[in-house]
């Protein structure tokens, strides 16, 4: 495990390629020391660029499956435009881009979170008690007791000539993050890190553990949708049974998720089905983690 910012991180690029190339034809792995945003970069590559007025040739869209790992991101993005903060070795930040053609995209971020949680917390996945890593609809992983944000997910899609391409960005806190500069606003929820749960884990080992199962989960989602994952998500749902507040100001009790991944909230107006990615949901007893470092 790398202990300083100058120690090289031994990324398992070859092992990942050997594991995933047979099921993802054309799959490549790229490691960058720093980039603005790995999600933004993969979206730029997929879209390409047209020829300019000066006659310079454009760049053809690149829809091949690609894993882009950024040791550090200078402009990492989260859901609803929130920023991610990270530092080399303290966080694992990567984006996976690949063509995907599910009949229904609903619940994709939930499947990503579930796959990550089960990979990082396998003992809890087999146990009957409360898991250590919970899932907060629609895109966060929390450590429980007390609630602390461990990881965040950003899913983006684009289309070209009838082909849909998905970019899945993941940020996981590996060890306590100490930034060189303070964030613009104080963290509203205390961050967690994976070493709270597994002291020996580092970024490279975490990537090797989570990525192959994630690809398997994505391919199962493409074929079957969210419904087969619903029960497993429910076992880790940190909002179920809790009072929650929506970003539109309404409040109610979370009642789990539907077969399409929609959040069910019982309010004074009745049962509300929350599907919009623009709706933020927070437990009434917990403060928003929107400024949590590194995710």
C-alpha atoms as a PDB file:
ATOM      1  CA  UNK A   1       0.000   0.000   0.000  1.00  0.00           C
ATOM      2  CA  UNK A   2       1.285   3.464  -0.904  1.00  0.00           C
ATOM      3  CA  UNK A   3       1.763   5.585   2.183  1.00  0.00           C
ATOM      4  CA  UNK A   4       2.912   8.876   0.673  1.00  0.00           C
ATOM      5  CA  UNK A   5       1.888  11.070  -2.215  1.00  0.00           C
ATOM      6  CA  UNK A   6       5.094  10.221  -4.091  1.00  0.00           C
ATOM      7  CA  UNK A   7       4.940   6.441  -3.788  1.00  0.00           C
ATOM      8  CA  UNK A   8       3.816   4.877  -7.084  1.00  0.00           C
ATOM      9  CA  UNK A   9       0.397   3.261  -7.042  1.00  0.00           C
ATOM     10  CA  UNK A  10       0.597  -0.190  -8.583  1.00  0.00           C
ATOM     11  CA  UNK A  11      -2.663  -0.244 -10.485  1.00  0.00           C
ATOM     12  CA  UNK A  12      -3.903  -3.695 -11.569  1.00  0.00           C
ATOM     13  CA  UNK A  13      -4.458  -2.636 -15.191  1.00  0.00           C
ATOM     14  CA  UNK A  14      -3.321  -5.902 -16.731  1.00  0.00           C
ATOM     15  CA  UNK A  15      -5.334  -8.044 -14.323  1.00  0.00           C
ATOM     16  CA  UNK A  16      -8.449  -5.989 -15.041  1.00  0.00           C
ATOM     17  CA  UNK A  17      -7.943  -6.216 -18.789  1.00  0.00           C
ATOM     18  CA  UNK A  18      -7.497  -9.994 -18.591  1.00  0.00           C
ATOM     19  CA  UNK A  19     -10.667 -10.322 -16.526  1.00  0.00           C
ATOM     20  CA  UNK A  20     -12.882  -8.037 -18.598  1.00  0.00           C
ATOM     21  CA  UNK A  21     -11.675  -8.136 -22.212  1.00  0.00           C
ATOM     22  CA  UNK A  22     -13.404 -11.505 -22.842  1.00  0.00           C
ATOM     23  CA  UNK A  23     -16.796 -10.029 -21.877  1.00  0.00           C
ATOM     24  CA  UNK A  24     -16.173  -6.467 -23.130  1.00  0.00           C
ATOM     25  CA  UNK A  25     -14.644  -6.687 -26.632  1.00  0.00           C
ATOM     26  CA  UNK A  26     -12.313  -3.779 -27.273  1.00  0.00           C
ATOM     27  CA  UNK A  27     -11.980  -2.996 -23.555  1.00  0.00           C
ATOM     28  CA  UNK A  28      -9.015  -0.840 -22.551  1.00  0.00           C
ATOM     29  CA  UNK A  29      -7.659   0.535 -19.282  1.00  0.00           C
ATOM     30  CA  UNK A  30      -6.107   3.974 -18.937  1.00  0.00           C
ATOM     31  CA  UNK A  31      -4.498   5.473 -15.837  1.00  0.00           C
ATOM     32  CA  UNK A  32      -3.939   9.229 -15.604  1.00  0.00           C
ATOM     33  CA  UNK A  33      -2.121  11.065 -12.796  1.00  0.00           C
ATOM     34  CA  UNK A  34      -4.591  13.966 -12.956  1.00  0.00           C
ATOM     35  CA  UNK A  35      -7.513  15.175 -15.032  1.00  0.00           C
ATOM     36  CA  UNK A  36     -10.330  17.662 -14.667  1.00  0.00           C
ATOM     37  CA  UNK A  37     -13.074  15.017 -14.539  1.00  0.00           C
ATOM     38  CA  UNK A  38     -12.896  11.412 -15.672  1.00  0.00           C
ATOM     39  CA  UNK A  39     -16.607  11.463 -16.542  1.00  0.00           C
ATOM     40  CA  UNK A  40     -16.190  14.608 -18.624  1.00  0.00           C
ATOM     41  CA  UNK A  41     -13.222  13.109 -20.438  1.00  0.00           C
ATOM     42  CA  UNK A  42     -15.074   9.935 -21.398  1.00  0.00           C
ATOM     43  CA  UNK A  43     -18.051  11.950 -22.595  1.00  0.00           C
ATOM     44  CA  UNK A  44     -15.724  14.096 -24.712  1.00  0.00           C
ATOM     45  CA  UNK A  45     -14.151  11.004 -26.229  1.00  0.00           C
ATOM     46  CA  UNK A  46     -17.477   9.387 -26.994  1.00  0.00           C
ATOM     47  CA  UNK A  47     -18.862  12.493 -28.689  1.00  0.00           C
ATOM     48  CA  UNK A  48     -15.686  13.263 -30.654  1.00  0.00           C
ATOM     49  CA  UNK A  49     -15.439  16.600 -32.426  1.00  0.00           C
ATOM     50  CA  UNK A  50     -16.396  17.806 -35.916  1.00  0.00           C
ATOM     51  CA  UNK A  51     -14.019  19.203 -38.516  1.00  0.00           C
ATOM     52  CA  UNK A  52     -13.323  22.910 -38.045  1.00  0.00           C
ATOM     53  CA  UNK A  53     -13.659  25.677 -40.616  1.00  0.00           C
ATOM     54  CA  UNK A  54      -9.923  25.646 -41.240  1.00  0.00           C
ATOM     55  CA  UNK A  55     -10.054  22.153 -42.682  1.00  0.00           C
ATOM     56  CA  UNK A  56      -8.599  20.326 -39.697  1.00  0.00           C
ATOM     57  CA  UNK A  57     -10.073  16.842 -39.469  1.00  0.00           C
ATOM     58  CA  UNK A  58     -12.463  16.126 -36.679  1.00  0.00           C
ATOM     59  CA  UNK A  59     -12.180  13.350 -34.115  1.00  0.00           C
ATOM     60  CA  UNK A  60     -14.492  10.404 -34.626  1.00  0.00           C
ATOM     61  CA  UNK A  61     -16.659   9.350 -31.673  1.00  0.00           C
ATOM     62  CA  UNK A  62     -15.172   6.517 -29.632  1.00  0.00           C
ATOM     63  CA  UNK A  63     -17.862   4.197 -28.278  1.00  0.00           C
ATOM     64  CA  UNK A  64     -15.570   1.406 -27.111  1.00  0.00           C
ATOM     65  CA  UNK A  65     -15.590   0.221 -23.474  1.00  0.00           C
ATOM     66  CA  UNK A  66     -12.954   2.044 -21.477  1.00  0.00           C
ATOM     67  CA  UNK A  67     -11.927   2.299 -17.846  1.00  0.00           C
ATOM     68  CA  UNK A  68     -10.357   5.646 -16.996  1.00  0.00           C
ATOM     69  CA  UNK A  69      -8.732   5.909 -13.572  1.00  0.00           C
ATOM     70  CA  UNK A  70      -7.682   9.350 -12.374  1.00  0.00           C
ATOM     71  CA  UNK A  71      -5.300   9.438  -9.434  1.00  0.00           C
ATOM     72  CA  UNK A  72      -6.530  12.960  -8.817  1.00  0.00           C
ATOM     73  CA  UNK A  73      -9.328  15.092 -10.277  1.00  0.00           C
ATOM     74  CA  UNK A  74      -9.201  18.874 -10.353  1.00  0.00           C
ATOM     75  CA  UNK A  75     -12.873  19.357 -11.287  1.00  0.00           C
ATOM     76  CA  UNK A  76     -14.610  16.154 -10.265  1.00  0.00           C
ATOM     77  CA  UNK A  77     -18.386  16.249 -10.509  1.00  0.00           C
ATOM     78  CA  UNK A  78     -21.174  14.668  -8.552  1.00  0.00           C
ATOM     79  CA  UNK A  79     -24.926  14.479  -8.947  1.00  0.00           C
ATOM     80  CA  UNK A  80     -26.868  17.778  -9.314  1.00  0.00           C
ATOM     81  CA  UNK A  81     -23.639  19.607 -10.174  1.00  0.00           C
ATOM     82  CA  UNK A  82     -22.002  19.022  -6.798  1.00  0.00           C
ATOM     83  CA  UNK A  83     -18.226  18.928  -6.721  1.00  0.00           C
ATOM     84  CA  UNK A  84     -16.050  15.992  -5.691  1.00  0.00           C
ATOM     85  CA  UNK A  85     -12.825  16.572  -3.834  1.00  0.00           C
ATOM     86  CA  UNK A  86     -10.086  13.986  -3.845  1.00  0.00           C
ATOM     87  CA  UNK A  87      -6.416  13.506  -3.255  1.00  0.00           C
ATOM     88  CA  UNK A  88      -4.087  10.922  -4.722  1.00  0.00           C
ATOM     89  CA  UNK A  89      -4.165   7.707  -2.696  1.00  0.00           C
ATOM     90  CA  UNK A  90      -6.824   8.937  -0.296  1.00  0.00           C
ATOM     91  CA  UNK A  91      -9.606   8.312  -2.804  1.00  0.00           C
ATOM     92  CA  UNK A  92     -10.374   5.994  -5.683  1.00  0.00           C
ATOM     93  CA  UNK A  93     -11.906   7.909  -8.589  1.00  0.00           C
ATOM     94  CA  UNK A  94     -12.677   6.219 -11.881  1.00  0.00           C
ATOM     95  CA  UNK A  95     -15.124   6.266 -14.757  1.00  0.00           C
ATOM     96  CA  UNK A  96     -16.274   3.282 -16.763  1.00  0.00           C
ATOM     97  CA  UNK A  97     -17.686   3.963 -20.206  1.00  0.00           C
ATOM     98  CA  UNK A  98     -19.380   1.336 -22.344  1.00  0.00           C
ATOM     99  CA  UNK A  99     -22.205   0.858 -24.841  1.00  0.00           C
ATOM    100  CA  UNK A 100     -25.385  -0.243 -23.083  1.00  0.00           C
ATOM    101  CA  UNK A 101     -28.853  -0.897 -24.471  1.00  0.00           C
ATOM    102  CA  UNK A 102     -31.278  -1.775 -21.652  1.00  0.00           C
ATOM    103  CA  UNK A 103     -34.981  -1.723 -22.372  1.00  0.00           C
ATOM    104  CA  UNK A 104     -35.432   0.522 -19.317  1.00  0.00           C
ATOM    105  CA  UNK A 105     -32.701   2.670 -17.762  1.00  0.00           C
ATOM    106  CA  UNK A 106     -34.590   3.120 -14.485  1.00  0.00           C
ATOM    107  CA  UNK A 107     -32.612   1.980 -11.444  1.00  0.00           C
ATOM    108  CA  UNK A 108     -29.170   1.891 -13.064  1.00  0.00           C
ATOM    109  CA  UNK A 109     -27.451   3.990 -10.381  1.00  0.00           C
ATOM    110  CA  UNK A 110     -29.014   1.750  -7.715  1.00  0.00           C
ATOM    111  CA  UNK A 111     -27.534  -1.343  -9.369  1.00  0.00           C
ATOM    112  CA  UNK A 112     -24.115   0.318  -9.494  1.00  0.00           C
ATOM    113  CA  UNK A 113     -24.299   1.188  -5.799  1.00  0.00           C
ATOM    114  CA  UNK A 114     -25.497  -2.289  -4.870  1.00  0.00           C
ATOM    115  CA  UNK A 115     -22.652  -3.937  -6.761  1.00  0.00           C
ATOM    116  CA  UNK A 116     -20.079  -1.713  -5.071  1.00  0.00           C
ATOM    117  CA  UNK A 117     -21.561  -2.290  -1.612  1.00  0.00           C
ATOM    118  CA  UNK A 118     -21.650  -6.063  -2.010  1.00  0.00           C
ATOM    119  CA  UNK A 119     -18.069  -6.132  -3.295  1.00  0.00           C
ATOM    120  CA  UNK A 120     -16.761  -3.999  -0.449  1.00  0.00           C
ATOM    121  CA  UNK A 121     -18.920  -5.549   2.270  1.00  0.00           C
ATOM    122  CA  UNK A 122     -19.299  -9.225   1.256  1.00  0.00           C
ATOM    123  CA  UNK A 123     -19.625 -10.612   4.767  1.00  0.00           C
ATOM    124  CA  UNK A 124     -22.614  -8.364   5.411  1.00  0.00           C
ATOM    125  CA  UNK A 125     -24.147  -9.437   2.106  1.00  0.00           C
ATOM    126  CA  UNK A 126     -24.350 -12.995   3.446  1.00  0.00           C
ATOM    127  CA  UNK A 127     -25.347 -12.111   6.997  1.00  0.00           C
ATOM    128  CA  UNK A 128     -28.811 -11.666   8.404  1.00  0.00           C
ATOM    129  CA  UNK A 129     -27.988  -8.571  10.430  1.00  0.00           C
ATOM    130  CA  UNK A 130     -27.724  -4.945   9.376  1.00  0.00           C
ATOM    131  CA  UNK A 131     -25.002  -4.359   6.753  1.00  0.00           C
ATOM    132  CA  UNK A 132     -22.122  -2.048   7.489  1.00  0.00           C
ATOM    133  CA  UNK A 133     -22.388  -0.413   4.050  1.00  0.00           C
ATOM    134  CA  UNK A 134     -25.840   0.925   3.242  1.00  0.00           C
ATOM    135  CA  UNK A 135     -27.319   2.468   0.105  1.00  0.00           C
ATOM    136  CA  UNK A 136     -28.900   5.891   0.062  1.00  0.00           C
ATOM    137  CA  UNK A 137     -31.200   6.429  -2.923  1.00  0.00           C
ATOM    138  CA  UNK A 138     -30.220   7.082  -5.627  1.00  0.00           C
ATOM    139  CA  UNK A 139     -26.431   7.205  -5.730  1.00  0.00           C
ATOM    140  CA  UNK A 140     -24.575   7.141  -2.388  1.00  0.00           C
ATOM    141  CA  UNK A 141     -22.941   4.513  -0.215  1.00  0.00           C
ATOM    142  CA  UNK A 142     -23.059   5.188   3.521  1.00  0.00           C
ATOM    143  CA  UNK A 143     -21.414   3.592   6.498  1.00  0.00           C
ATOM    144  CA  UNK A 144     -23.957   3.113   9.238  1.00  0.00           C
ATOM    145  CA  UNK A 145     -24.013   3.984  12.940  1.00  0.00           C
ATOM    146  CA  UNK A 146     -23.597   6.884  12.543  1.00  0.00           C
ATOM    147  CA  UNK A 147     -24.460   7.781   8.949  1.00  0.00           C
ATOM    148  CA  UNK A 148     -21.334   8.794   7.048  1.00  0.00           C
ATOM    149  CA  UNK A 149     -20.830   9.038   3.296  1.00  0.00           C
ATOM    150  CA  UNK A 150     -18.382   6.500   1.885  1.00  0.00           C
ATOM    151  CA  UNK A 151     -18.855   6.832  -1.869  1.00  0.00           C
ATOM    152  CA  UNK A 152     -20.790   8.605  -4.589  1.00  0.00           C
ATOM    153  CA  UNK A 153     -21.890   7.665  -8.102  1.00  0.00           C
ATOM    154  CA  UNK A 154     -22.533   9.780 -11.192  1.00  0.00           C
ATOM    155  CA  UNK A 155     -24.235   8.149 -14.196  1.00  0.00           C
ATOM    156  CA  UNK A 156     -24.374   9.973 -17.541  1.00  0.00           C
ATOM    157  CA  UNK A 157     -25.505   8.812 -20.971  1.00  0.00           C
ATOM    158  CA  UNK A 158     -25.115  10.005 -24.545  1.00  0.00           C
ATOM    159  CA  UNK A 159     -26.279   8.813 -27.967  1.00  0.00           C
ATOM    160  CA  UNK A 160     -24.648   8.629 -31.402  1.00  0.00           C
ATOM    161  CA  UNK A 161     -26.176   7.096 -34.528  1.00  0.00           C
ATOM    162  CA  UNK A 162     -28.686   5.150 -32.474  1.00  0.00           C
ATOM    163  CA  UNK A 163     -26.110   3.829 -30.011  1.00  0.00           C
ATOM    164  CA  UNK A 164     -26.397   4.641 -26.307  1.00  0.00           C
ATOM    165  CA  UNK A 165     -23.231   5.028 -24.285  1.00  0.00           C
ATOM    166  CA  UNK A 166     -23.130   5.180 -20.506  1.00  0.00           C
ATOM    167  CA  UNK A 167     -20.399   6.682 -18.351  1.00  0.00           C
ATOM    168  CA  UNK A 168     -20.403   5.598 -14.718  1.00  0.00           C
ATOM    169  CA  UNK A 169     -18.271   7.701 -12.413  1.00  0.00           C
ATOM    170  CA  UNK A 170     -17.363   6.397  -8.968  1.00  0.00           C
ATOM    171  CA  UNK A 171     -15.626   8.121  -6.085  1.00  0.00           C
ATOM    172  CA  UNK A 172     -14.745   6.091  -2.984  1.00  0.00           C
ATOM    173  CA  UNK A 173     -13.041   7.448   0.129  1.00  0.00           C
ATOM    174  CA  UNK A 174     -10.230   5.011   0.876  1.00  0.00           C
ATOM    175  CA  UNK A 175      -8.505   6.664   3.818  1.00  0.00           C
ATOM    176  CA  UNK A 176      -9.081   9.872   5.790  1.00  0.00           C
ATOM    177  CA  UNK A 177      -8.865  12.774   3.393  1.00  0.00           C
ATOM    178  CA  UNK A 178      -6.755  15.776   4.269  1.00  0.00           C
ATOM    179  CA  UNK A 179      -7.029  18.472   1.628  1.00  0.00           C
ATOM    180  CA  UNK A 180      -4.377  21.084   1.018  1.00  0.00           C
ATOM    181  CA  UNK A 181      -7.073  23.747   0.975  1.00  0.00           C
ATOM    182  CA  UNK A 182     -10.328  23.880   2.888  1.00  0.00           C
ATOM    183  CA  UNK A 183     -13.554  23.311   0.940  1.00  0.00           C
ATOM    184  CA  UNK A 184     -15.678  26.346   0.092  1.00  0.00           C
ATOM    185  CA  UNK A 185     -18.284  25.170   2.593  1.00  0.00           C
ATOM    186  CA  UNK A 186     -17.885  22.934   5.621  1.00  0.00           C
ATOM    187  CA  UNK A 187     -18.854  19.287   5.196  1.00  0.00           C
ATOM    188  CA  UNK A 188     -22.470  18.780   6.254  1.00  0.00           C
ATOM    189  CA  UNK A 189     -22.023  15.072   6.928  1.00  0.00           C
ATOM    190  CA  UNK A 190     -18.902  13.484   8.343  1.00  0.00           C
ATOM    191  CA  UNK A 191     -17.158  11.485   5.606  1.00  0.00           C
ATOM    192  CA  UNK A 192     -16.379   7.812   6.031  1.00  0.00           C
ATOM    193  CA  UNK A 193     -13.488   5.959   4.478  1.00  0.00           C
ATOM    194  CA  UNK A 194     -13.084   2.327   3.499  1.00  0.00           C
ATOM    195  CA  UNK A 195     -10.235   1.851   5.949  1.00  0.00           C
ATOM    196  CA  UNK A 196     -12.769   2.444   8.740  1.00  0.00           C
ATOM    197  CA  UNK A 197     -14.192  -0.915   7.701  1.00  0.00           C
ATOM    198  CA  UNK A 198     -11.156  -2.645   6.180  1.00  0.00           C
ATOM    199  CA  UNK A 199      -7.885  -1.115   7.424  1.00  0.00           C
ATOM    200  CA  UNK A 200      -5.689  -2.901   4.872  1.00  0.00           C
ATOM    201  CA  UNK A 201      -7.440  -1.717   1.713  1.00  0.00           C
ATOM    202  CA  UNK A 202      -5.898   0.775  -0.712  1.00  0.00           C
ATOM    203  CA  UNK A 203      -7.122   2.327  -3.951  1.00  0.00           C
ATOM    204  CA  UNK A 204      -5.587  -0.259  -6.290  1.00  0.00           C
ATOM    205  CA  UNK A 205      -6.888  -3.263  -4.365  1.00  0.00           C
ATOM    206  CA  UNK A 206     -10.321  -1.650  -4.132  1.00  0.00           C
ATOM    207  CA  UNK A 207     -10.478  -1.133  -7.897  1.00  0.00           C
ATOM    208  CA  UNK A 208      -9.593  -4.762  -8.575  1.00  0.00           C
ATOM    209  CA  UNK A 209     -12.234  -5.926  -6.122  1.00  0.00           C
ATOM    210  CA  UNK A 210     -15.138  -3.814  -7.394  1.00  0.00           C
ATOM    211  CA  UNK A 211     -14.747  -3.578 -11.157  1.00  0.00           C
ATOM    212  CA  UNK A 212     -15.317  -7.141 -12.472  1.00  0.00           C
ATOM    213  CA  UNK A 213     -18.505  -7.600 -10.378  1.00  0.00           C
ATOM    214  CA  UNK A 214     -19.668  -4.156 -11.503  1.00  0.00           C
ATOM    215  CA  UNK A 215     -19.405  -5.128 -15.163  1.00  0.00           C
ATOM    216  CA  UNK A 216     -21.323  -8.337 -14.448  1.00  0.00           C
ATOM    217  CA  UNK A 217     -24.045  -6.337 -12.707  1.00  0.00           C
ATOM    218  CA  UNK A 218     -24.295  -3.893 -15.616  1.00  0.00           C
ATOM    219  CA  UNK A 219     -24.684  -6.694 -18.111  1.00  0.00           C
ATOM    220  CA  UNK A 220     -27.373  -8.319 -15.971  1.00  0.00           C
ATOM    221  CA  UNK A 221     -29.153  -4.958 -15.707  1.00  0.00           C
ATOM    222  CA  UNK A 222     -29.005  -4.549 -19.482  1.00  0.00           C
ATOM    223  CA  UNK A 223     -30.770  -7.872 -19.913  1.00  0.00           C
ATOM    224  CA  UNK A 224     -33.194  -7.953 -16.983  1.00  0.00           C
ATOM    225  CA  UNK A 225     -33.547  -4.391 -15.636  1.00  0.00           C
ATOM    226  CA  UNK A 226     -33.677  -3.441 -11.958  1.00  0.00           C
ATOM    227  CA  UNK A 227     -36.359  -5.859 -10.739  1.00  0.00           C
ATOM    228  CA  UNK A 228     -33.983  -8.785  -9.956  1.00  0.00           C
ATOM    229  CA  UNK A 229     -31.893  -6.421  -7.802  1.00  0.00           C
ATOM    230  CA  UNK A 230     -34.794  -4.949  -5.834  1.00  0.00           C
ATOM    231  CA  UNK A 231     -34.710  -7.331  -2.867  1.00  0.00           C
ATOM    232  CA  UNK A 232     -30.940  -7.038  -2.435  1.00  0.00           C
ATOM    233  CA  UNK A 233     -31.156  -3.252  -2.588  1.00  0.00           C
ATOM    234  CA  UNK A 234     -33.875  -3.309   0.076  1.00  0.00           C
ATOM    235  CA  UNK A 235     -31.538  -5.175   2.447  1.00  0.00           C
ATOM    236  CA  UNK A 236     -29.177  -2.166   2.398  1.00  0.00           C
ATOM    237  CA  UNK A 237     -31.672   0.673   1.979  1.00  0.00           C
ATOM    238  CA  UNK A 238     -30.766   3.308   4.596  1.00  0.00           C
ATOM    239  CA  UNK A 239     -33.861   5.414   3.930  1.00  0.00           C
ATOM    240  CA  UNK A 240     -36.537   2.724   4.353  1.00  0.00           C
ATOM    241  CA  UNK A 241     -38.835   3.530   7.272  1.00  0.00           C
ATOM    242  CA  UNK A 242     -37.198   6.898   7.931  1.00  0.00           C
ATOM    243  CA  UNK A 243     -38.661  10.358   7.732  1.00  0.00           C
ATOM    244  CA  UNK A 244     -37.251  12.086   4.666  1.00  0.00           C
ATOM    245  CA  UNK A 245     -37.437  15.565   3.183  1.00  0.00           C
ATOM    246  CA  UNK A 246     -37.550  16.189  -0.554  1.00  0.00           C
ATOM    247  CA  UNK A 247     -35.883  19.144  -2.218  1.00  0.00           C
ATOM    248  CA  UNK A 248     -39.307  20.561  -3.085  1.00  0.00           C
ATOM    249  CA  UNK A 249     -39.954  20.968   0.653  1.00  0.00           C
ATOM    250  CA  UNK A 250     -42.373  18.059   1.086  1.00  0.00           C
ATOM    251  CA  UNK A 251     -41.772  15.504   3.806  1.00  0.00           C
ATOM    252  CA  UNK A 252     -42.832  11.925   4.434  1.00  0.00           C
ATOM    253  CA  UNK A 253     -41.753   8.386   5.244  1.00  0.00           C
ATOM    254  CA  UNK A 254     -39.645   6.372   2.818  1.00  0.00           C
ATOM    255  CA  UNK A 255     -41.177   3.002   1.919  1.00  0.00           C
ATOM    256  CA  UNK A 256     -38.386   1.419  -0.094  1.00  0.00           C
ATOM    257  CA  UNK A 257     -38.082   1.285  -3.875  1.00  0.00           C
ATOM    258  CA  UNK A 258     -40.344  -0.062  -6.601  1.00  0.00           C
ATOM    259  CA  UNK A 259     -39.411  -2.671  -9.226  1.00  0.00           C
ATOM    260  CA  UNK A 260     -38.208   0.117 -11.508  1.00  0.00           C
ATOM    261  CA  UNK A 261     -36.004   1.674  -8.812  1.00  0.00           C
ATOM    262  CA  UNK A 262     -38.328   4.576  -8.026  1.00  0.00           C
ATOM    263  CA  UNK A 263     -38.325   5.755  -4.420  1.00  0.00           C
ATOM    264  CA  UNK A 264     -41.660   5.416  -2.615  1.00  0.00           C
ATOM    265  CA  UNK A 265     -42.418   8.171  -0.086  1.00  0.00           C
ATOM    266  CA  UNK A 266     -45.668   8.417   1.846  1.00  0.00           C
ATOM    267  CA  UNK A 267     -46.522  12.073   2.375  1.00  0.00           C
ATOM    268  CA  UNK A 268     -49.603  13.954   3.545  1.00  0.00           C
ATOM    269  CA  UNK A 269     -50.759  13.887  -0.088  1.00  0.00           C
ATOM    270  CA  UNK A 270     -50.434  10.109  -0.305  1.00  0.00           C
ATOM    271  CA  UNK A 271     -47.780   7.789  -1.716  1.00  0.00           C
ATOM    272  CA  UNK A 272     -45.362   9.660  -3.950  1.00  0.00           C
ATOM    273  CA  UNK A 273     -43.272   7.872  -6.581  1.00  0.00           C
ATOM    274  CA  UNK A 274     -39.940   9.688  -6.908  1.00  0.00           C
ATOM    275  CA  UNK A 275     -38.103   9.056 -10.168  1.00  0.00           C
ATOM    276  CA  UNK A 276     -36.575  12.387 -11.144  1.00  0.00           C
ATOM    277  CA  UNK A 277     -32.812  12.680 -10.978  1.00  0.00           C
ATOM    278  CA  UNK A 278     -33.370  16.336 -10.086  1.00  0.00           C
ATOM    279  CA  UNK A 279     -35.051  15.491  -6.772  1.00  0.00           C
ATOM    280  CA  UNK A 280     -32.846  15.370  -3.692  1.00  0.00           C
ATOM    281  CA  UNK A 281     -33.913  13.231  -0.736  1.00  0.00           C
ATOM    282  CA  UNK A 282     -32.443  13.468   2.760  1.00  0.00           C
ATOM    283  CA  UNK A 283     -33.306  11.837   6.080  1.00  0.00           C
ATOM    284  CA  UNK A 284     -34.870  14.395   8.391  1.00  0.00           C
ATOM    285  CA  UNK A 285     -32.438  13.405  11.148  1.00  0.00           C
ATOM    286  CA  UNK A 286     -29.317  13.704   8.990  1.00  0.00           C
ATOM    287  CA  UNK A 287     -27.825  16.759   7.362  1.00  0.00           C
ATOM    288  CA  UNK A 288     -27.156  16.862   3.649  1.00  0.00           C
ATOM    289  CA  UNK A 289     -23.774  15.355   2.675  1.00  0.00           C
ATOM    290  CA  UNK A 290     -23.491  17.439  -0.469  1.00  0.00           C
ATOM    291  CA  UNK A 291     -20.088  18.835   0.432  1.00  0.00           C
ATOM    292  CA  UNK A 292     -18.571  15.589   1.667  1.00  0.00           C
ATOM    293  CA  UNK A 293     -14.913  15.596   0.641  1.00  0.00           C
ATOM    294  CA  UNK A 294     -13.678  13.289  -2.106  1.00  0.00           C
ATOM    295  CA  UNK A 295     -16.952  11.988  -3.444  1.00  0.00           C
END
